[in-house]
Structure formats: structure tokens, C-alpha cells
Amino acid sequence: MLPTAYLILAILWCAFFAYWWITALRNRTPYKRVPPRFGYLTTMAVPSTIILVAVILLAPDLASSRVLPDSLPIFLSGLLVMLAGLGFAIWARVHLGTNWSGTPAIREHHTITRTGPYAIVRHPIYTGLLTGILGTAIATGALLAFVAFFMMIVMFLIKIRMEEQFLLDEFGEAYEQYRREVRALVPWIV
């Protein structure tokens, strides 16, 4: 793959994270309830970092191994999937508004958001991010990118369990009803 293709992917991800950071600063509201200190770090960031470092150190050939051919149609397909996923995540972030938090938490005046993408899946930001990561993996064709995609699925499933417990504790039957009506990540499936 040409360095320009990687540059395009990197610029798009940087733009996405810049938007994410800016909106996080702008939409600050006080927390009502937060997880134990470092709980999120120990359940998500540390294990995933250890696994990725171990894979890179123990199997350095994975970093250059490809599972898809290096071609313009595959790159463009992956790019479109990535853009669709990031767009879906941004749409979800807009609908979530001041309820958003980077870690599982309940904000002051928190509500159950059921509009826009939240009418389709309960965790559309994760759906969008996973779709974006999958698109990046397709665009690069790199085996390591697909490994990262599957690791992120596991990490998001762990985070979903934590978040949903917070939401059940806060909203009880109202959130349980939402869970019965709307799938977590993929409409009509998961």
C-alpha cells in the first residue's frame, strides 16, 4: 500500500479524535456516579496494551502480514466502511449530548437516550468505532489490524457490561425495557 493511503487513514482518524476531544471539553457536566478509580483502566486499557505488545514482540511478522491483497478497490472499500462507522459514532455522540462520558458513569440529569442511532442499537458509538476499525483493517489488509479489531470487540463487550450495570442501577425497569427492545451492537443480532 502506498504511504499516501496510510496518511489518508491517519488524517481521518486524527480528525475524528480531534472532534471527539473538543466535544468532550465542551459538553462537561458533573458526574453523579463513577466507577471505582482505575477500574476502567485495569479492565480495558492495560490488558489490551499487554496483548498488543506481546503479539508484536512474540510474532513480529504479524505486523507486516497481510490477509487481503494490496489493491485500490480493497482500500476504497475499507475507507468507505471506516467513514460510515466514524460517521455513525459521531451521529451517536450528537444524540447522546451531555450524557456522554469516556468511562462508564452516570452524569447529573442523566437520561436514557433512545433517539437517532440509539433507536437502532444501545451502544452506537461502539458500533461506529468497531465499524471504523474494521474499515481500517480492510483498507490496510494487515493481519495485525484484524487482530486489533477482534480485541476491541472483547474490550467493548466488557465495557458494555460495566455501563449497563450502571444504567440498570440508575434507571431500573425503564432501562431493562430498552434492553429488551433494542440490541446492543448490531441491529436484530447482538
N, C-alpha and C. Protein backbone atom coordinates (compact mmCIF):
# COMPACT_ATOMS: atom_id res chain seq x y z
N MET A 1 0.85 -1.18 0.00
CA MET A 1 0.00 0.00 0.00
C MET A 1 0.90 1.24 0.00
N LEU A 2 0.48 2.21 -0.72
CA LEU A 2 1.23 3.46 -0.81
C LEU A 2 1.19 4.21 0.51
N PRO A 3 2.29 4.90 0.86
CA PRO A 3 2.28 5.71 2.09
C PRO A 3 1.15 6.74 2.11
N THR A 4 0.73 7.21 0.94
CA THR A 4 -0.37 8.17 0.87
C THR A 4 -1.66 7.58 1.43
N ALA A 5 -1.90 6.31 1.16
CA ALA A 5 -3.11 5.65 1.66
C ALA A 5 -3.10 5.62 3.19
N TYR A 6 -1.95 5.26 3.77
CA TYR A 6 -1.85 5.25 5.23
C TYR A 6 -2.01 6.66 5.80
N LEU A 7 -1.47 7.63 5.10
CA LEU A 7 -1.60 9.01 5.53
C LEU A 7 -3.07 9.45 5.55
N ILE A 8 -3.82 9.06 4.53
CA ILE A 8 -5.25 9.39 4.47
C ILE A 8 -5.97 8.80 5.68
N LEU A 9 -5.71 7.52 5.97
CA LEU A 9 -6.34 6.87 7.12
C LEU A 9 -5.96 7.57 8.41
N ALA A 10 -4.69 7.89 8.57
CA ALA A 10 -4.22 8.55 9.79
C ALA A 10 -4.86 9.93 9.96
N ILE A 11 -4.94 10.70 8.89
CA ILE A 11 -5.54 12.04 8.96
C ILE A 11 -7.02 11.94 9.35
N LEU A 12 -7.73 10.99 8.77
CA LEU A 12 -9.16 10.84 9.10
C LEU A 12 -9.35 10.44 10.56
N TRP A 13 -8.53 9.51 11.06
CA TRP A 13 -8.64 9.12 12.46
C TRP A 13 -8.26 10.29 13.37
N CYS A 14 -7.23 11.04 13.03
CA CYS A 14 -6.84 12.21 13.84
C CYS A 14 -7.96 13.25 13.87
N ALA A 15 -8.59 13.49 12.73
CA ALA A 15 -9.70 14.45 12.67
C ALA A 15 -10.85 13.96 13.56
N PHE A 16 -11.14 12.66 13.49
CA PHE A 16 -12.20 12.08 14.31
C PHE A 16 -11.90 12.29 15.79
N PHE A 17 -10.66 11.97 16.22
CA PHE A 17 -10.31 12.10 17.63
C PHE A 17 -10.23 13.56 18.06
N ALA A 18 -9.86 14.45 17.17
CA ALA A 18 -9.87 15.88 17.49
C ALA A 18 -11.30 16.33 17.77
N TYR A 19 -12.23 15.93 16.91
CA TYR A 19 -13.65 16.24 17.14
C TYR A 19 -14.09 15.67 18.49
N TRP A 20 -13.72 14.43 18.76
CA TRP A 20 -14.12 13.76 20.00
C TRP A 20 -13.61 14.52 21.21
N TRP A 21 -12.37 14.94 21.17
CA TRP A 21 -11.75 15.65 22.29
C TRP A 21 -12.40 17.01 22.49
N ILE A 22 -12.60 17.73 21.41
CA ILE A 22 -13.21 19.06 21.50
C ILE A 22 -14.62 18.98 22.07
N THR A 23 -15.43 18.03 21.60
CA THR A 23 -16.80 17.91 22.12
C THR A 23 -16.79 17.43 23.57
N ALA A 24 -15.79 16.64 23.95
CA ALA A 24 -15.70 16.20 25.35
C ALA A 24 -15.45 17.39 26.26
N LEU A 25 -14.62 18.31 25.83
CA LEU A 25 -14.34 19.51 26.63
C LEU A 25 -15.55 20.43 26.70
N ARG A 26 -16.31 20.49 25.62
CA ARG A 26 -17.45 21.40 25.53
C ARG A 26 -18.68 20.89 26.28
N ASN A 27 -18.83 19.59 26.39
CA ASN A 27 -20.05 19.01 26.96
C ASN A 27 -19.87 18.49 28.38
N ARG A 28 -19.05 19.14 29.16
CA ARG A 28 -18.82 18.67 30.52
C ARG A 28 -20.01 18.97 31.43
N THR A 29 -20.47 17.96 32.11
CA THR A 29 -21.48 18.12 33.16
C THR A 29 -21.00 17.31 34.35
N PRO A 30 -21.45 17.64 35.54
CA PRO A 30 -20.97 16.92 36.73
C PRO A 30 -21.40 15.45 36.72
N TYR A 31 -20.55 14.62 37.33
CA TYR A 31 -20.87 13.21 37.48
C TYR A 31 -21.74 13.00 38.71
N LYS A 32 -22.66 12.06 38.60
CA LYS A 32 -23.47 11.65 39.74
C LYS A 32 -22.85 10.40 40.36
N ARG A 33 -22.39 9.48 39.47
CA ARG A 33 -21.81 8.22 39.92
C ARG A 33 -20.72 7.80 38.94
N VAL A 34 -19.56 7.39 39.45
CA VAL A 34 -18.45 6.96 38.60
C VAL A 34 -17.95 5.59 39.06
N PRO A 35 -17.26 4.86 38.17
CA PRO A 35 -16.73 3.56 38.58
C PRO A 35 -15.58 3.72 39.56
N PRO A 36 -15.17 2.63 40.20
CA PRO A 36 -14.02 2.72 41.11
C PRO A 36 -12.80 3.27 40.36
N ARG A 37 -11.96 3.99 41.07
CA ARG A 37 -10.77 4.59 40.46
C ARG A 37 -9.94 3.51 39.77
N PHE A 38 -9.53 3.77 38.58
CA PHE A 38 -8.71 2.89 37.75
C PHE A 38 -9.42 1.61 37.32
N GLY A 39 -10.72 1.46 37.62
CA GLY A 39 -11.46 0.26 37.23
C GLY A 39 -11.49 0.07 35.73
N TYR A 40 -11.76 1.15 35.01
CA TYR A 40 -11.79 1.08 33.55
C TYR A 40 -10.41 0.78 32.99
N LEU A 41 -9.39 1.42 33.57
CA LEU A 41 -8.02 1.23 33.10
C LEU A 41 -7.60 -0.22 33.24
N THR A 42 -7.91 -0.83 34.38
CA THR A 42 -7.48 -2.21 34.60
C THR A 42 -8.29 -3.22 33.80
N THR A 43 -9.53 -2.89 33.46
CA THR A 43 -10.33 -3.85 32.71
C THR A 43 -10.20 -3.70 31.20
N MET A 44 -9.71 -2.56 30.72
CA MET A 44 -9.67 -2.32 29.27
C MET A 44 -8.27 -2.00 28.76
N ALA A 45 -7.73 -0.89 29.18
CA ALA A 45 -6.50 -0.37 28.58
C ALA A 45 -5.29 -1.25 28.86
N VAL A 46 -5.10 -1.64 30.09
CA VAL A 46 -3.91 -2.41 30.44
C VAL A 46 -3.90 -3.77 29.74
N PRO A 47 -4.98 -4.59 29.83
CA PRO A 47 -4.93 -5.88 29.14
C PRO A 47 -4.74 -5.76 27.63
N SER A 48 -5.41 -4.81 27.00
CA SER A 48 -5.29 -4.69 25.55
C SER A 48 -3.88 -4.26 25.15
N THR A 49 -3.28 -3.37 25.93
CA THR A 49 -1.91 -2.94 25.65
C THR A 49 -0.93 -4.11 25.82
N ILE A 50 -1.10 -4.87 26.88
CA ILE A 50 -0.23 -6.03 27.11
C ILE A 50 -0.35 -7.03 25.97
N ILE A 51 -1.56 -7.30 25.54
CA ILE A 51 -1.77 -8.27 24.46
C ILE A 51 -1.13 -7.77 23.17
N LEU A 52 -1.35 -6.51 22.81
CA LEU A 52 -0.76 -5.97 21.57
C LEU A 52 0.75 -5.98 21.62
N VAL A 53 1.34 -5.57 22.74
CA VAL A 53 2.80 -5.57 22.87
C VAL A 53 3.34 -7.00 22.78
N ALA A 54 2.66 -7.94 23.45
CA ALA A 54 3.09 -9.34 23.39
C ALA A 54 3.04 -9.88 21.97
N VAL A 55 1.97 -9.59 21.26
CA VAL A 55 1.85 -10.06 19.87
C VAL A 55 2.98 -9.48 19.02
N ILE A 56 3.24 -8.19 19.16
CA ILE A 56 4.28 -7.54 18.36
C ILE A 56 5.66 -8.11 18.70
N LEU A 57 5.92 -8.35 19.99
CA LEU A 57 7.23 -8.87 20.40
C LEU A 57 7.40 -10.34 20.08
N LEU A 58 6.36 -11.13 20.29
CA LEU A 58 6.47 -12.57 20.10
C LEU A 58 6.24 -13.01 18.66
N ALA A 59 5.54 -12.19 17.89
CA ALA A 59 5.27 -12.54 16.49
C ALA A 59 5.44 -11.29 15.61
N PRO A 60 6.68 -10.83 15.47
CA PRO A 60 6.90 -9.58 14.73
C PRO A 60 6.46 -9.65 13.26
N ASP A 61 6.38 -10.85 12.70
CA ASP A 61 5.94 -10.98 11.31
C ASP A 61 4.47 -10.59 11.14
N LEU A 62 3.71 -10.64 12.22
CA LEU A 62 2.30 -10.25 12.13
C LEU A 62 2.15 -8.80 11.70
N ALA A 63 3.10 -7.96 12.12
CA ALA A 63 2.99 -6.53 11.80
C ALA A 63 3.02 -6.29 10.30
N SER A 64 3.68 -7.16 9.56
CA SER A 64 3.76 -6.96 8.11
C SER A 64 2.92 -7.98 7.33
N SER A 65 2.28 -8.90 8.02
CA SER A 65 1.47 -9.92 7.34
C SER A 65 0.17 -9.31 6.85
N ARG A 66 -0.23 -9.72 5.67
CA ARG A 66 -1.48 -9.22 5.06
C ARG A 66 -2.45 -10.38 4.91
N VAL A 67 -3.72 -10.08 5.07
CA VAL A 67 -4.76 -11.09 4.83
C VAL A 67 -5.62 -10.71 3.63
N LEU A 68 -5.47 -9.47 3.17
CA LEU A 68 -6.18 -9.02 1.97
C LEU A 68 -5.15 -8.47 0.98
N PRO A 69 -5.42 -8.63 -0.29
CA PRO A 69 -4.47 -8.10 -1.28
C PRO A 69 -4.38 -6.57 -1.23
N ASP A 70 -3.23 -6.08 -1.61
CA ASP A 70 -2.98 -4.64 -1.66
C ASP A 70 -3.51 -4.11 -2.98
N SER A 71 -4.73 -3.55 -2.95
CA SER A 71 -5.32 -3.05 -4.19
C SER A 71 -6.17 -1.82 -3.89
N LEU A 72 -6.34 -1.00 -4.89
CA LEU A 72 -7.14 0.21 -4.75
C LEU A 72 -8.61 -0.09 -4.41
N PRO A 73 -9.26 -1.07 -5.07
CA PRO A 73 -10.66 -1.35 -4.70
C PRO A 73 -10.82 -1.79 -3.25
N ILE A 74 -9.89 -2.58 -2.75
CA ILE A 74 -9.98 -3.01 -1.35
C ILE A 74 -9.75 -1.82 -0.43
N PHE A 75 -8.76 -0.99 -0.75
CA PHE A 75 -8.51 0.21 0.07
C PHE A 75 -9.75 1.10 0.10
N LEU A 76 -10.33 1.37 -1.06
CA LEU A 76 -11.50 2.25 -1.11
C LEU A 76 -12.69 1.65 -0.38
N SER A 77 -12.87 0.33 -0.49
CA SER A 77 -13.96 -0.33 0.24
C SER A 77 -13.76 -0.15 1.74
N GLY A 78 -12.55 -0.40 2.21
CA GLY A 78 -12.25 -0.23 3.63
C GLY A 78 -12.43 1.21 4.08
N LEU A 79 -12.01 2.14 3.24
CA LEU A 79 -12.15 3.56 3.55
C LEU A 79 -13.63 3.94 3.70
N LEU A 80 -14.47 3.44 2.82
CA LEU A 80 -15.91 3.72 2.91
C LEU A 80 -16.52 3.12 4.17
N VAL A 81 -16.12 1.90 4.51
CA VAL A 81 -16.61 1.26 5.74
C VAL A 81 -16.16 2.08 6.95
N MET A 82 -14.89 2.50 6.94
CA MET A 82 -14.36 3.30 8.04
C MET A 82 -15.14 4.61 8.19
N LEU A 83 -15.34 5.31 7.09
CA LEU A 83 -16.07 6.59 7.14
C LEU A 83 -17.51 6.40 7.61
N ALA A 84 -18.15 5.33 7.17
CA ALA A 84 -19.52 5.05 7.62
C ALA A 84 -19.54 4.81 9.13
N GLY A 85 -18.57 4.05 9.63
CA GLY A 85 -18.51 3.77 11.06
C GLY A 85 -18.26 5.02 11.89
N LEU A 86 -17.28 5.83 11.46
CA LEU A 86 -16.98 7.05 12.21
C LEU A 86 -18.14 8.04 12.14
N GLY A 87 -18.81 8.09 11.00
CA GLY A 87 -19.99 8.95 10.88
C GLY A 87 -21.10 8.50 11.82
N PHE A 88 -21.29 7.19 11.93
CA PHE A 88 -22.31 6.65 12.84
C PHE A 88 -21.97 6.99 14.29
N ALA A 89 -20.68 6.88 14.65
CA ALA A 89 -20.26 7.21 16.02
C ALA A 89 -20.48 8.70 16.32
N ILE A 90 -20.18 9.55 15.35
CA ILE A 90 -20.40 10.99 15.55
C ILE A 90 -21.89 11.29 15.69
N TRP A 91 -22.70 10.67 14.85
CA TRP A 91 -24.16 10.85 14.95
C TRP A 91 -24.62 10.45 16.35
N ALA A 92 -24.10 9.34 16.87
CA ALA A 92 -24.48 8.88 18.21
C ALA A 92 -24.03 9.87 19.27
N ARG A 93 -22.84 10.40 19.12
CA ARG A 93 -22.31 11.35 20.09
C ARG A 93 -23.18 12.60 20.14
N VAL A 94 -23.64 13.06 18.99
CA VAL A 94 -24.52 14.24 18.93
C VAL A 94 -25.81 13.95 19.69
N HIS A 95 -26.40 12.77 19.49
CA HIS A 95 -27.66 12.44 20.17
C HIS A 95 -27.46 12.21 21.67
N LEU A 96 -26.31 11.74 22.06
CA LEU A 96 -26.06 11.47 23.48
C LEU A 96 -25.85 12.77 24.26
N GLY A 97 -25.27 13.76 23.60
CA GLY A 97 -25.10 15.08 24.23
C GLY A 97 -24.34 15.03 25.54
N THR A 98 -24.91 15.66 26.57
CA THR A 98 -24.21 15.76 27.85
C THR A 98 -24.25 14.48 28.67
N ASN A 99 -24.93 13.45 28.19
CA ASN A 99 -24.90 12.15 28.87
C ASN A 99 -23.59 11.41 28.60
N TRP A 100 -22.81 11.85 27.61
CA TRP A 100 -21.61 11.13 27.22
C TRP A 100 -20.54 11.21 28.28
N SER A 101 -19.82 10.11 28.44
CA SER A 101 -18.66 10.05 29.32
C SER A 101 -17.69 9.04 28.73
N GLY A 102 -16.41 9.29 28.85
CA GLY A 102 -15.40 8.38 28.32
C GLY A 102 -15.32 7.07 29.09
N THR A 103 -15.76 7.08 30.33
CA THR A 103 -15.78 5.87 31.15
C THR A 103 -17.22 5.61 31.58
N PRO A 104 -17.53 4.39 31.97
CA PRO A 104 -18.89 4.13 32.45
C PRO A 104 -19.20 5.01 33.65
N ALA A 105 -20.22 5.83 33.53
CA ALA A 105 -20.57 6.76 34.61
C ALA A 105 -21.99 7.26 34.39
N ILE A 106 -22.55 7.80 35.44
CA ILE A 106 -23.86 8.45 35.37
C ILE A 106 -23.62 9.93 35.64
N ARG A 107 -24.12 10.77 34.74
CA ARG A 107 -23.98 12.22 34.87
C ARG A 107 -25.19 12.77 35.62
N GLU A 108 -25.04 13.98 36.16
CA GLU A 108 -26.19 14.69 36.73
C GLU A 108 -27.23 14.87 35.63
N HIS A 109 -28.48 14.68 35.94
CA HIS A 109 -29.59 14.83 34.99
C HIS A 109 -29.49 13.86 33.82
N HIS A 110 -28.88 12.71 34.05
CA HIS A 110 -28.70 11.69 33.01
C HIS A 110 -30.07 11.13 32.60
N THR A 111 -30.22 10.86 31.32
CA THR A 111 -31.45 10.26 30.81
C THR A 111 -31.09 9.09 29.90
N ILE A 112 -32.07 8.27 29.61
CA ILE A 112 -31.89 7.20 28.64
C ILE A 112 -32.11 7.82 27.26
N THR A 113 -31.09 7.77 26.43
CA THR A 113 -31.20 8.32 25.08
C THR A 113 -31.73 7.22 24.16
N ARG A 114 -32.84 7.49 23.48
CA ARG A 114 -33.45 6.50 22.60
C ARG A 114 -33.70 7.05 21.20
N THR A 115 -33.10 8.19 20.88
CA THR A 115 -33.32 8.83 19.58
C THR A 115 -32.16 8.53 18.63
N GLY A 116 -32.39 8.82 17.36
CA GLY A 116 -31.34 8.65 16.35
C GLY A 116 -30.78 7.24 16.35
N PRO A 117 -29.46 7.11 16.43
CA PRO A 117 -28.85 5.78 16.37
C PRO A 117 -29.16 4.93 17.60
N TYR A 118 -29.57 5.58 18.71
CA TYR A 118 -29.92 4.84 19.93
C TYR A 118 -31.26 4.12 19.78
N ALA A 119 -32.00 4.41 18.74
CA ALA A 119 -33.21 3.65 18.42
C ALA A 119 -32.85 2.39 17.63
N ILE A 120 -31.62 2.35 17.11
CA ILE A 120 -31.17 1.22 16.28
C ILE A 120 -30.37 0.23 17.11
N VAL A 121 -29.41 0.74 17.91
CA VAL A 121 -28.60 -0.08 18.82
C VAL A 121 -28.38 0.70 20.11
N ARG A 122 -28.16 -0.03 21.22
CA ARG A 122 -27.99 0.64 22.51
C ARG A 122 -26.62 1.31 22.65
N HIS A 123 -25.64 0.83 21.92
CA HIS A 123 -24.28 1.36 22.04
C HIS A 123 -23.74 1.73 20.66
N PRO A 124 -24.37 2.72 20.01
CA PRO A 124 -23.97 3.05 18.64
C PRO A 124 -22.57 3.65 18.52
N ILE A 125 -22.05 4.26 19.57
CA ILE A 125 -20.68 4.75 19.49
C ILE A 125 -19.73 3.57 19.32
N TYR A 126 -19.94 2.51 20.07
CA TYR A 126 -19.09 1.33 19.94
C TYR A 126 -19.29 0.66 18.58
N THR A 127 -20.55 0.61 18.14
CA THR A 127 -20.82 0.05 16.81
C THR A 127 -20.06 0.85 15.75
N GLY A 128 -20.11 2.17 15.86
CA GLY A 128 -19.42 3.03 14.89
C GLY A 128 -17.91 2.87 14.96
N LEU A 129 -17.36 2.85 16.18
CA LEU A 129 -15.92 2.68 16.32
C LEU A 129 -15.46 1.32 15.79
N LEU A 130 -16.20 0.27 16.13
CA LEU A 130 -15.84 -1.06 15.62
C LEU A 130 -15.92 -1.10 14.10
N THR A 131 -16.93 -0.47 13.54
CA THR A 131 -17.04 -0.43 12.08
C THR A 131 -15.88 0.36 11.49
N GLY A 132 -15.50 1.46 12.14
CA GLY A 132 -14.35 2.24 11.68
C GLY A 132 -13.06 1.45 11.75
N ILE A 133 -12.87 0.70 12.82
CA ILE A 133 -11.67 -0.13 12.96
C ILE A 133 -11.68 -1.25 11.92
N LEU A 134 -12.84 -1.86 11.71
CA LEU A 134 -12.95 -2.90 10.67
C LEU A 134 -12.62 -2.32 9.30
N GLY A 135 -13.14 -1.14 9.00
CA GLY A 135 -12.83 -0.49 7.73
C GLY A 135 -11.35 -0.22 7.57
N THR A 136 -10.71 0.20 8.66
CA THR A 136 -9.26 0.43 8.62
C THR A 136 -8.52 -0.88 8.36
N ALA A 137 -8.97 -1.94 9.01
CA ALA A 137 -8.34 -3.25 8.80
C ALA A 137 -8.49 -3.69 7.34
N ILE A 138 -9.67 -3.50 6.78
CA ILE A 138 -9.90 -3.85 5.37
C ILE A 138 -9.01 -2.99 4.48
N ALA A 139 -8.97 -1.69 4.74
CA ALA A 139 -8.19 -0.77 3.90
C ALA A 139 -6.70 -1.11 3.91
N THR A 140 -6.18 -1.47 5.08
CA THR A 140 -4.75 -1.81 5.17
C THR A 140 -4.49 -3.25 4.79
N GLY A 141 -5.47 -4.12 5.01
CA GLY A 141 -5.30 -5.54 4.74
C GLY A 141 -4.38 -6.23 5.73
N ALA A 142 -3.97 -5.52 6.78
CA ALA A 142 -2.99 -6.05 7.72
C ALA A 142 -3.62 -7.01 8.73
N LEU A 143 -2.96 -8.13 8.92
CA LEU A 143 -3.43 -9.12 9.90
C LEU A 143 -3.51 -8.51 11.29
N LEU A 144 -2.50 -7.72 11.65
CA LEU A 144 -2.48 -7.10 12.98
C LEU A 144 -3.69 -6.18 13.18
N ALA A 145 -4.14 -5.51 12.13
CA ALA A 145 -5.32 -4.64 12.23
C ALA A 145 -6.57 -5.47 12.52
N PHE A 146 -6.67 -6.65 11.92
CA PHE A 146 -7.81 -7.53 12.20
C PHE A 146 -7.73 -8.08 13.62
N VAL A 147 -6.51 -8.38 14.09
CA VAL A 147 -6.34 -8.82 15.48
C VAL A 147 -6.81 -7.72 16.42
N ALA A 148 -6.41 -6.48 16.14
CA ALA A 148 -6.84 -5.34 16.96
C ALA A 148 -8.36 -5.19 16.94
N PHE A 149 -8.97 -5.40 15.78
CA PHE A 149 -10.43 -5.32 15.66
C PHE A 149 -11.10 -6.33 16.60
N PHE A 150 -10.64 -7.58 16.58
CA PHE A 150 -11.25 -8.59 17.45
C PHE A 150 -10.97 -8.31 18.92
N MET A 151 -9.80 -7.76 19.23
CA MET A 151 -9.53 -7.38 20.61
C MET A 151 -10.47 -6.27 21.07
N MET A 152 -10.74 -5.32 20.19
CA MET A 152 -11.64 -4.23 20.55
C MET A 152 -13.06 -4.73 20.77
N ILE A 153 -13.48 -5.74 20.03
CA ILE A 153 -14.80 -6.32 20.28
C ILE A 153 -14.87 -6.82 21.72
N VAL A 154 -13.86 -7.56 22.14
CA VAL A 154 -13.83 -8.10 23.51
C VAL A 154 -13.82 -6.96 24.52
N MET A 155 -12.98 -5.96 24.30
CA MET A 155 -12.89 -4.84 25.23
C MET A 155 -14.21 -4.07 25.33
N PHE A 156 -14.87 -3.84 24.18
CA PHE A 156 -16.14 -3.13 24.22
C PHE A 156 -17.22 -3.97 24.89
N LEU A 157 -17.21 -5.28 24.71
CA LEU A 157 -18.19 -6.12 25.40
C LEU A 157 -18.01 -6.03 26.91
N ILE A 158 -16.77 -5.97 27.37
CA ILE A 158 -16.50 -5.79 28.81
C ILE A 158 -17.02 -4.43 29.27
N LYS A 159 -16.73 -3.40 28.49
CA LYS A 159 -17.17 -2.05 28.86
C LYS A 159 -18.69 -1.94 28.85
N ILE A 160 -19.33 -2.59 27.89
CA ILE A 160 -20.79 -2.59 27.82
C ILE A 160 -21.39 -3.18 29.09
N ARG A 161 -20.82 -4.26 29.58
CA ARG A 161 -21.33 -4.88 30.82
C ARG A 161 -21.26 -3.89 31.99
N MET A 162 -20.12 -3.17 32.07
CA MET A 162 -19.96 -2.20 33.14
C MET A 162 -20.99 -1.07 33.00
N GLU A 163 -21.11 -0.53 31.80
CA GLU A 163 -22.04 0.57 31.57
C GLU A 163 -23.48 0.16 31.83
N GLU A 164 -23.84 -1.00 31.35
CA GLU A 164 -25.23 -1.42 31.50
C GLU A 164 -25.58 -1.67 32.96
N GLN A 165 -24.62 -2.09 33.77
CA GLN A 165 -24.91 -2.25 35.19
C GLN A 165 -25.18 -0.89 35.83
N PHE A 166 -24.40 0.11 35.45
CA PHE A 166 -24.64 1.47 35.93
C PHE A 166 -26.04 1.93 35.52
N LEU A 167 -26.38 1.72 34.26
CA LEU A 167 -27.67 2.18 33.76
C LEU A 167 -28.83 1.42 34.40
N LEU A 168 -28.67 0.12 34.62
CA LEU A 168 -29.71 -0.66 35.31
C LEU A 168 -29.89 -0.18 36.74
N ASP A 169 -28.77 0.08 37.42
CA ASP A 169 -28.85 0.57 38.80
C ASP A 169 -29.56 1.92 38.87
N GLU A 170 -29.33 2.75 37.86
CA GLU A 170 -29.90 4.10 37.86
C GLU A 170 -31.35 4.13 37.40
N PHE A 171 -31.66 3.39 36.33
CA PHE A 171 -32.97 3.52 35.68
C PHE A 171 -33.87 2.30 35.84
N GLY A 172 -33.35 1.21 36.37
CA GLY A 172 -34.15 0.02 36.65
C GLY A 172 -34.94 -0.51 35.47
N GLU A 173 -36.24 -0.66 35.66
CA GLU A 173 -37.12 -1.29 34.67
C GLU A 173 -37.14 -0.52 33.34
N ALA A 174 -37.01 0.79 33.39
CA ALA A 174 -37.02 1.58 32.14
C ALA A 174 -35.86 1.17 31.25
N TYR A 175 -34.67 0.97 31.86
CA TYR A 175 -33.52 0.55 31.04
C TYR A 175 -33.65 -0.91 30.64
N GLU A 176 -34.21 -1.72 31.53
CA GLU A 176 -34.41 -3.14 31.19
C GLU A 176 -35.35 -3.26 29.99
N GLN A 177 -36.37 -2.46 29.94
CA GLN A 177 -37.28 -2.47 28.79
C GLN A 177 -36.54 -2.07 27.51
N TYR A 178 -35.71 -1.04 27.60
CA TYR A 178 -34.91 -0.61 26.45
C TYR A 178 -34.01 -1.75 25.98
N ARG A 179 -33.42 -2.48 26.93
CA ARG A 179 -32.56 -3.63 26.57
C ARG A 179 -33.36 -4.70 25.83
N ARG A 180 -34.60 -4.90 26.25
CA ARG A 180 -35.43 -5.91 25.57
C ARG A 180 -35.80 -5.48 24.16
N GLU A 181 -35.94 -4.19 23.93
CA GLU A 181 -36.41 -3.67 22.65
C GLU A 181 -35.31 -3.40 21.63
N VAL A 182 -34.10 -3.08 22.09
CA VAL A 182 -33.02 -2.65 21.19
C VAL A 182 -31.76 -3.46 21.47
N ARG A 183 -31.16 -4.01 20.41
CA ARG A 183 -29.93 -4.79 20.55
C ARG A 183 -28.75 -3.92 20.93
N ALA A 184 -27.70 -4.53 21.46
CA ALA A 184 -26.55 -3.78 21.98
C ALA A 184 -25.69 -3.18 20.87
N LEU A 185 -25.23 -4.00 19.91
CA LEU A 185 -24.26 -3.53 18.93
C LEU A 185 -24.69 -3.66 17.47
N VAL A 186 -25.39 -4.73 17.16
CA VAL A 186 -25.79 -4.98 15.77
C VAL A 186 -27.30 -5.18 15.74
N PRO A 187 -28.01 -4.35 14.97
CA PRO A 187 -29.48 -4.47 14.94
C PRO A 187 -29.94 -5.89 14.65
N TRP A 188 -30.91 -6.35 15.41
CA TRP A 188 -31.57 -7.65 15.26
C TRP A 188 -30.66 -8.84 15.54
N ILE A 189 -29.40 -8.61 15.90
CA ILE A 189 -28.48 -9.75 16.12
C ILE A 189 -27.92 -9.75 17.53
N VAL A 190 -27.07 -8.77 17.86
CA VAL A 190 -26.36 -8.76 19.14
C VAL A 190 -26.73 -7.52 19.91
